[in-house]
Amino acid sequence: MLQIKQEVIDSIVKHALKDAPLEACGYLAEKDGVVELSLPLTNIDASSDHFSFDPKEQFESVRKVRSQGMKLRAVYHSHPDSPARPSEEDIRLAFDPQLSYVIISLKQGTCIKSFRIKQGSVEEEAIETI
C-alpha cells in the first residue's frame, strides 16, 4: 500500500495539469512509510506520450531526499490522453521493483493509480490518502 499525504496528491495533480498536454514527471519521497514530498522534474522529452528525467535534476532530487532523512518511494508521471495504467514503455523502463509507479490520468477528469512492476509483471497497489 502507498500511503501519501493529501497535499502531495494535490501537488502532483497540479503539476500534471500545468504540464498538459505533455507528460509531467517526478519523484515521491517518504518518511516513516508515508509519502510527504513530491519532487517535480522536467520531462526533457517534451512529449505527450513518454518522459525522461533531466539527469541533473534527478541527481539533485536524490541528494535533497537523502539530506532530509527521507527515501525515494515512487516515480510519478501523467498520462494526458490515456488511462492511469502503465504503457508497454512504462513497464519496460520500470527498472526498480522497490519503487511504486504512480500514474495520473487526465483523460476523463483526474484518476490516480499506483503500480508495482517487477520483471514485466504489473500489480496495482492500493493508495491510502492521509
N, C-alpha and C. Protein backbone atom coordinates (compact mmCIF):
# COMPACT_ATOMS: atom_id res chain seq x y z
N MET A 1 0.84 -1.19 0.00
CA MET A 1 0.00 0.00 0.00
C MET A 1 0.88 1.25 0.00
N LEU A 2 0.46 2.22 -0.78
CA LEU A 2 1.16 3.50 -0.83
C LEU A 2 0.38 4.49 0.03
N GLN A 3 1.00 4.93 1.11
CA GLN A 3 0.39 5.95 1.96
C GLN A 3 0.97 7.30 1.55
N ILE A 4 0.06 8.25 1.28
CA ILE A 4 0.50 9.52 0.72
C ILE A 4 -0.34 10.67 1.28
N LYS A 5 0.33 11.73 1.63
CA LYS A 5 -0.38 12.89 2.18
C LYS A 5 -1.20 13.59 1.09
N GLN A 6 -2.34 14.12 1.49
CA GLN A 6 -3.24 14.79 0.55
C GLN A 6 -2.56 15.94 -0.17
N GLU A 7 -1.71 16.69 0.52
CA GLU A 7 -1.05 17.82 -0.14
C GLU A 7 -0.09 17.35 -1.23
N VAL A 8 0.45 16.14 -1.11
CA VAL A 8 1.30 15.59 -2.15
C VAL A 8 0.45 15.22 -3.37
N ILE A 9 -0.69 14.59 -3.12
CA ILE A 9 -1.63 14.29 -4.22
C ILE A 9 -1.98 15.59 -4.95
N ASP A 10 -2.35 16.61 -4.19
CA ASP A 10 -2.71 17.90 -4.79
C ASP A 10 -1.57 18.46 -5.63
N SER A 11 -0.35 18.33 -5.14
CA SER A 11 0.82 18.86 -5.82
C SER A 11 1.08 18.15 -7.15
N ILE A 12 0.98 16.81 -7.18
CA ILE A 12 1.27 16.11 -8.43
C ILE A 12 0.14 16.28 -9.45
N VAL A 13 -1.09 16.43 -8.97
CA VAL A 13 -2.19 16.72 -9.90
C VAL A 13 -1.99 18.11 -10.51
N LYS A 14 -1.62 19.08 -9.68
CA LYS A 14 -1.36 20.43 -10.18
C LYS A 14 -0.23 20.41 -11.22
N HIS A 15 0.82 19.65 -10.95
CA HIS A 15 1.93 19.53 -11.89
C HIS A 15 1.47 18.92 -13.22
N ALA A 16 0.65 17.87 -13.14
CA ALA A 16 0.14 17.21 -14.35
C ALA A 16 -0.70 18.18 -15.18
N LEU A 17 -1.56 18.93 -14.52
CA LEU A 17 -2.42 19.88 -15.22
C LEU A 17 -1.61 21.01 -15.84
N LYS A 18 -0.59 21.48 -15.12
CA LYS A 18 0.25 22.57 -15.62
C LYS A 18 1.04 22.16 -16.86
N ASP A 19 1.54 20.93 -16.86
CA ASP A 19 2.38 20.48 -17.97
C ASP A 19 1.59 19.94 -19.17
N ALA A 20 0.31 19.65 -18.97
CA ALA A 20 -0.51 19.13 -20.07
C ALA A 20 -0.49 20.12 -21.23
N PRO A 21 -0.42 19.65 -22.45
CA PRO A 21 -0.67 18.29 -22.90
C PRO A 21 0.56 17.38 -22.89
N LEU A 22 1.69 17.83 -22.30
CA LEU A 22 2.87 16.99 -22.18
C LEU A 22 2.76 16.15 -20.91
N GLU A 23 3.52 15.05 -20.86
CA GLU A 23 3.57 14.26 -19.64
C GLU A 23 4.39 15.00 -18.60
N ALA A 24 3.88 15.05 -17.39
CA ALA A 24 4.62 15.56 -16.25
C ALA A 24 5.28 14.37 -15.57
N CYS A 25 6.39 14.61 -14.85
CA CYS A 25 7.07 13.50 -14.20
C CYS A 25 7.81 13.99 -12.96
N GLY A 26 8.13 13.04 -12.08
CA GLY A 26 8.88 13.38 -10.89
C GLY A 26 9.00 12.21 -9.95
N TYR A 27 9.55 12.50 -8.78
CA TYR A 27 9.73 11.51 -7.72
C TYR A 27 8.79 11.82 -6.56
N LEU A 28 8.54 10.80 -5.75
CA LEU A 28 7.85 10.95 -4.47
C LEU A 28 8.77 10.38 -3.40
N ALA A 29 8.88 11.09 -2.28
CA ALA A 29 9.74 10.65 -1.18
C ALA A 29 8.93 10.43 0.08
N GLU A 30 9.39 9.46 0.88
CA GLU A 30 8.67 9.11 2.10
C GLU A 30 9.55 9.22 3.33
N LYS A 31 8.86 9.38 4.43
CA LYS A 31 9.50 9.32 5.75
C LYS A 31 8.57 8.51 6.63
N ASP A 32 9.12 7.53 7.32
CA ASP A 32 8.33 6.66 8.19
C ASP A 32 7.16 6.02 7.46
N GLY A 33 7.38 5.66 6.20
CA GLY A 33 6.36 4.93 5.44
C GLY A 33 5.26 5.77 4.83
N VAL A 34 5.35 7.10 4.95
CA VAL A 34 4.33 7.99 4.40
C VAL A 34 4.98 8.95 3.40
N VAL A 35 4.42 9.04 2.20
CA VAL A 35 4.93 9.97 1.19
C VAL A 35 4.58 11.39 1.64
N GLU A 36 5.64 12.19 1.83
CA GLU A 36 5.47 13.55 2.34
C GLU A 36 5.98 14.61 1.38
N LEU A 37 6.62 14.19 0.29
CA LEU A 37 7.29 15.17 -0.57
C LEU A 37 7.18 14.74 -2.03
N SER A 38 6.81 15.69 -2.88
CA SER A 38 6.88 15.47 -4.32
C SER A 38 8.02 16.30 -4.86
N LEU A 39 8.70 15.73 -5.84
CA LEU A 39 9.83 16.39 -6.46
C LEU A 39 9.58 16.44 -7.96
N PRO A 40 8.91 17.49 -8.44
CA PRO A 40 8.65 17.60 -9.87
C PRO A 40 9.94 17.75 -10.65
N LEU A 41 10.02 17.05 -11.77
CA LEU A 41 11.19 17.12 -12.63
C LEU A 41 10.77 17.53 -14.04
N THR A 42 11.73 17.95 -14.81
CA THR A 42 11.46 18.35 -16.19
C THR A 42 11.43 17.12 -17.08
N ASN A 43 10.41 17.01 -17.90
CA ASN A 43 10.35 15.97 -18.91
C ASN A 43 11.16 16.47 -20.11
N ILE A 44 12.41 16.04 -20.19
CA ILE A 44 13.27 16.56 -21.25
C ILE A 44 12.87 16.07 -22.63
N ASP A 45 11.99 15.06 -22.70
CA ASP A 45 11.48 14.61 -24.00
C ASP A 45 10.39 15.55 -24.53
N ALA A 46 9.81 16.36 -23.64
CA ALA A 46 8.73 17.28 -24.02
C ALA A 46 7.71 16.56 -24.90
N SER A 47 7.22 15.43 -24.40
CA SER A 47 6.32 14.56 -25.18
C SER A 47 5.01 14.34 -24.44
N SER A 48 3.96 14.07 -25.21
CA SER A 48 2.66 13.77 -24.61
C SER A 48 2.47 12.28 -24.36
N ASP A 49 3.44 11.45 -24.78
CA ASP A 49 3.25 10.02 -24.57
C ASP A 49 4.46 9.29 -23.98
N HIS A 50 5.48 10.02 -23.54
CA HIS A 50 6.56 9.42 -22.76
C HIS A 50 7.37 10.53 -22.08
N PHE A 51 8.24 10.10 -21.17
CA PHE A 51 9.03 11.08 -20.44
C PHE A 51 10.43 10.55 -20.17
N SER A 52 11.34 11.49 -19.97
CA SER A 52 12.69 11.22 -19.46
C SER A 52 13.03 12.32 -18.48
N PHE A 53 13.64 11.94 -17.37
CA PHE A 53 14.07 12.94 -16.38
C PHE A 53 15.29 13.70 -16.89
N ASP A 54 15.39 14.94 -16.45
CA ASP A 54 16.62 15.71 -16.63
C ASP A 54 17.63 15.13 -15.64
N PRO A 55 18.75 14.58 -16.10
CA PRO A 55 19.69 13.91 -15.19
C PRO A 55 20.19 14.80 -14.05
N LYS A 56 20.46 16.06 -14.34
CA LYS A 56 20.95 16.97 -13.29
C LYS A 56 19.88 17.13 -12.21
N GLU A 57 18.62 17.35 -12.61
CA GLU A 57 17.53 17.49 -11.64
C GLU A 57 17.33 16.18 -10.86
N GLN A 58 17.48 15.07 -11.56
CA GLN A 58 17.30 13.77 -10.94
C GLN A 58 18.31 13.59 -9.79
N PHE A 59 19.58 13.83 -10.05
CA PHE A 59 20.60 13.68 -9.01
C PHE A 59 20.42 14.69 -7.88
N GLU A 60 20.03 15.93 -8.20
CA GLU A 60 19.77 16.93 -7.17
C GLU A 60 18.61 16.49 -6.27
N SER A 61 17.59 15.89 -6.86
CA SER A 61 16.44 15.40 -6.10
C SER A 61 16.84 14.29 -5.14
N VAL A 62 17.65 13.36 -5.63
CA VAL A 62 18.11 12.26 -4.77
C VAL A 62 18.92 12.81 -3.61
N ARG A 63 19.79 13.75 -3.86
CA ARG A 63 20.58 14.37 -2.78
C ARG A 63 19.67 15.06 -1.77
N LYS A 64 18.67 15.80 -2.26
CA LYS A 64 17.73 16.51 -1.38
C LYS A 64 16.99 15.53 -0.49
N VAL A 65 16.50 14.45 -1.07
CA VAL A 65 15.75 13.44 -0.32
C VAL A 65 16.63 12.87 0.80
N ARG A 66 17.82 12.48 0.45
CA ARG A 66 18.74 11.89 1.44
C ARG A 66 19.11 12.89 2.53
N SER A 67 19.33 14.15 2.15
CA SER A 67 19.71 15.16 3.15
C SER A 67 18.59 15.43 4.14
N GLN A 68 17.36 15.14 3.77
CA GLN A 68 16.21 15.34 4.66
C GLN A 68 15.84 14.07 5.42
N GLY A 69 16.69 13.04 5.33
CA GLY A 69 16.43 11.81 6.05
C GLY A 69 15.25 11.02 5.49
N MET A 70 14.98 11.22 4.21
CA MET A 70 13.87 10.53 3.57
C MET A 70 14.43 9.52 2.57
N LYS A 71 13.52 8.77 1.93
CA LYS A 71 13.94 7.87 0.87
C LYS A 71 12.97 7.95 -0.30
N LEU A 72 13.48 7.68 -1.49
CA LEU A 72 12.62 7.67 -2.66
C LEU A 72 11.64 6.51 -2.53
N ARG A 73 10.38 6.79 -2.81
CA ARG A 73 9.34 5.76 -2.71
C ARG A 73 8.67 5.47 -4.05
N ALA A 74 8.61 6.49 -4.93
CA ALA A 74 7.88 6.30 -6.18
C ALA A 74 8.36 7.25 -7.26
N VAL A 75 8.11 6.81 -8.49
CA VAL A 75 8.22 7.66 -9.68
C VAL A 75 6.78 7.98 -10.06
N TYR A 76 6.51 9.24 -10.37
CA TYR A 76 5.17 9.56 -10.87
C TYR A 76 5.27 10.19 -12.24
N HIS A 77 4.21 9.99 -13.01
CA HIS A 77 4.10 10.70 -14.29
C HIS A 77 2.63 10.74 -14.69
N SER A 78 2.34 11.62 -15.62
CA SER A 78 0.94 11.79 -16.05
C SER A 78 0.73 11.15 -17.42
N HIS A 79 -0.52 10.81 -17.64
CA HIS A 79 -0.98 10.38 -18.97
C HIS A 79 -2.07 11.36 -19.38
N PRO A 80 -1.71 12.38 -20.13
CA PRO A 80 -2.70 13.40 -20.51
C PRO A 80 -3.89 12.87 -21.30
N ASP A 81 -3.66 11.86 -22.13
CA ASP A 81 -4.71 11.38 -23.03
C ASP A 81 -4.96 9.88 -22.95
N SER A 82 -4.50 9.24 -21.89
CA SER A 82 -4.72 7.80 -21.78
C SER A 82 -5.01 7.44 -20.32
N PRO A 83 -5.53 6.24 -20.08
CA PRO A 83 -5.90 5.84 -18.73
C PRO A 83 -4.71 5.73 -17.77
N ALA A 84 -5.01 5.66 -16.49
CA ALA A 84 -4.00 5.52 -15.45
C ALA A 84 -3.59 4.05 -15.34
N ARG A 85 -2.84 3.59 -16.34
CA ARG A 85 -2.28 2.24 -16.32
C ARG A 85 -0.95 2.30 -17.06
N PRO A 86 -0.02 1.46 -16.68
CA PRO A 86 1.30 1.52 -17.32
C PRO A 86 1.23 1.13 -18.80
N SER A 87 1.89 1.92 -19.62
CA SER A 87 2.04 1.59 -21.04
C SER A 87 3.11 0.51 -21.17
N GLU A 88 3.24 -0.04 -22.35
CA GLU A 88 4.31 -1.02 -22.59
C GLU A 88 5.68 -0.40 -22.30
N GLU A 89 5.85 0.86 -22.69
CA GLU A 89 7.12 1.54 -22.43
C GLU A 89 7.33 1.73 -20.93
N ASP A 90 6.28 2.11 -20.19
CA ASP A 90 6.38 2.26 -18.73
C ASP A 90 6.85 0.96 -18.10
N ILE A 91 6.29 -0.14 -18.54
CA ILE A 91 6.63 -1.46 -17.98
C ILE A 91 8.09 -1.81 -18.33
N ARG A 92 8.47 -1.60 -19.55
CA ARG A 92 9.82 -1.92 -20.00
C ARG A 92 10.88 -1.10 -19.26
N LEU A 93 10.55 0.14 -18.92
CA LEU A 93 11.53 1.04 -18.29
C LEU A 93 11.45 1.07 -16.77
N ALA A 94 10.60 0.24 -16.18
CA ALA A 94 10.47 0.18 -14.71
C ALA A 94 11.57 -0.73 -14.17
N PHE A 95 12.73 -0.16 -13.90
CA PHE A 95 13.91 -0.94 -13.53
C PHE A 95 14.00 -1.27 -12.04
N ASP A 96 13.34 -0.51 -11.18
CA ASP A 96 13.50 -0.71 -9.74
C ASP A 96 12.22 -1.28 -9.13
N PRO A 97 12.21 -2.58 -8.79
CA PRO A 97 11.00 -3.18 -8.23
C PRO A 97 10.67 -2.70 -6.82
N GLN A 98 11.58 -1.97 -6.20
CA GLN A 98 11.32 -1.43 -4.85
C GLN A 98 10.47 -0.16 -4.91
N LEU A 99 10.41 0.47 -6.08
CA LEU A 99 9.65 1.71 -6.23
C LEU A 99 8.22 1.42 -6.67
N SER A 100 7.34 2.33 -6.30
CA SER A 100 5.98 2.34 -6.87
C SER A 100 6.01 3.24 -8.08
N TYR A 101 5.08 2.99 -8.99
CA TYR A 101 4.96 3.79 -10.20
C TYR A 101 3.55 4.38 -10.22
N VAL A 102 3.46 5.67 -9.97
CA VAL A 102 2.19 6.38 -9.83
C VAL A 102 1.87 7.07 -11.15
N ILE A 103 0.64 6.86 -11.62
CA ILE A 103 0.22 7.46 -12.88
C ILE A 103 -1.02 8.31 -12.65
N ILE A 104 -0.97 9.54 -13.13
CA ILE A 104 -2.09 10.47 -13.03
C ILE A 104 -2.68 10.59 -14.43
N SER A 105 -3.90 10.10 -14.62
CA SER A 105 -4.57 10.23 -15.91
C SER A 105 -5.43 11.49 -15.91
N LEU A 106 -5.37 12.21 -17.00
CA LEU A 106 -6.19 13.41 -17.18
C LEU A 106 -7.23 13.19 -18.27
N LYS A 107 -7.37 11.94 -18.71
CA LYS A 107 -8.23 11.63 -19.86
C LYS A 107 -9.68 12.03 -19.63
N GLN A 108 -10.25 11.64 -18.51
CA GLN A 108 -11.64 11.99 -18.17
C GLN A 108 -11.65 12.40 -16.70
N GLY A 109 -11.40 13.66 -16.46
CA GLY A 109 -11.22 14.09 -15.07
C GLY A 109 -9.82 13.71 -14.63
N THR A 110 -9.66 13.46 -13.34
CA THR A 110 -8.36 13.08 -12.81
C THR A 110 -8.49 11.73 -12.12
N CYS A 111 -7.62 10.81 -12.47
CA CYS A 111 -7.59 9.48 -11.88
C CYS A 111 -6.14 9.16 -11.54
N ILE A 112 -5.89 8.74 -10.29
CA ILE A 112 -4.53 8.42 -9.86
C ILE A 112 -4.49 6.96 -9.41
N LYS A 113 -3.52 6.23 -9.95
CA LYS A 113 -3.33 4.84 -9.55
C LYS A 113 -1.83 4.59 -9.34
N SER A 114 -1.55 3.59 -8.51
CA SER A 114 -0.17 3.21 -8.23
C SER A 114 0.02 1.74 -8.60
N PHE A 115 1.24 1.44 -9.06
CA PHE A 115 1.55 0.09 -9.51
C PHE A 115 2.93 -0.33 -9.01
N ARG A 116 3.09 -1.62 -8.77
CA ARG A 116 4.40 -2.21 -8.54
C ARG A 116 4.70 -3.01 -9.80
N ILE A 117 5.90 -2.85 -10.32
CA ILE A 117 6.29 -3.51 -11.56
C ILE A 117 7.60 -4.25 -11.32
N LYS A 118 7.56 -5.54 -11.56
CA LYS A 118 8.75 -6.37 -11.34
C LYS A 118 8.91 -7.33 -12.51
N GLN A 119 10.00 -7.18 -13.23
CA GLN A 119 10.33 -8.04 -14.37
C GLN A 119 9.15 -8.18 -15.34
N GLY A 120 8.51 -7.06 -15.65
CA GLY A 120 7.43 -7.05 -16.61
C GLY A 120 6.06 -7.39 -16.05
N SER A 121 6.01 -7.80 -14.81
CA SER A 121 4.73 -8.13 -14.16
C SER A 121 4.21 -6.89 -13.44
N VAL A 122 2.94 -6.56 -13.68
CA VAL A 122 2.34 -5.35 -13.13
C VAL A 122 1.26 -5.71 -12.13
N GLU A 123 1.34 -5.08 -10.96
CA GLU A 123 0.32 -5.28 -9.93
C GLU A 123 -0.13 -3.92 -9.41
N GLU A 124 -1.44 -3.68 -9.44
CA GLU A 124 -1.95 -2.41 -8.91
C GLU A 124 -1.78 -2.40 -7.40
N GLU A 125 -1.45 -1.25 -6.87
CA GLU A 125 -1.19 -1.06 -5.45
C GLU A 125 -2.21 -0.08 -4.89
N ALA A 126 -2.79 -0.42 -3.76
CA ALA A 126 -3.76 0.47 -3.12
C ALA A 126 -3.07 1.77 -2.69
N ILE A 127 -3.81 2.86 -2.78
CA ILE A 127 -3.34 4.17 -2.30
C ILE A 127 -4.20 4.58 -1.12
N GLU A 128 -3.56 4.94 -0.03
CA GLU A 128 -4.26 5.49 1.13
C GLU A 128 -3.86 6.95 1.28
N THR A 129 -4.83 7.83 1.17
CA THR A 129 -4.55 9.26 1.32
C THR A 129 -4.65 9.63 2.80
N ILE A 130 -3.65 10.34 3.27
CA ILE A 130 -3.58 10.73 4.69
C ILE A 130 -3.68 12.23 4.81
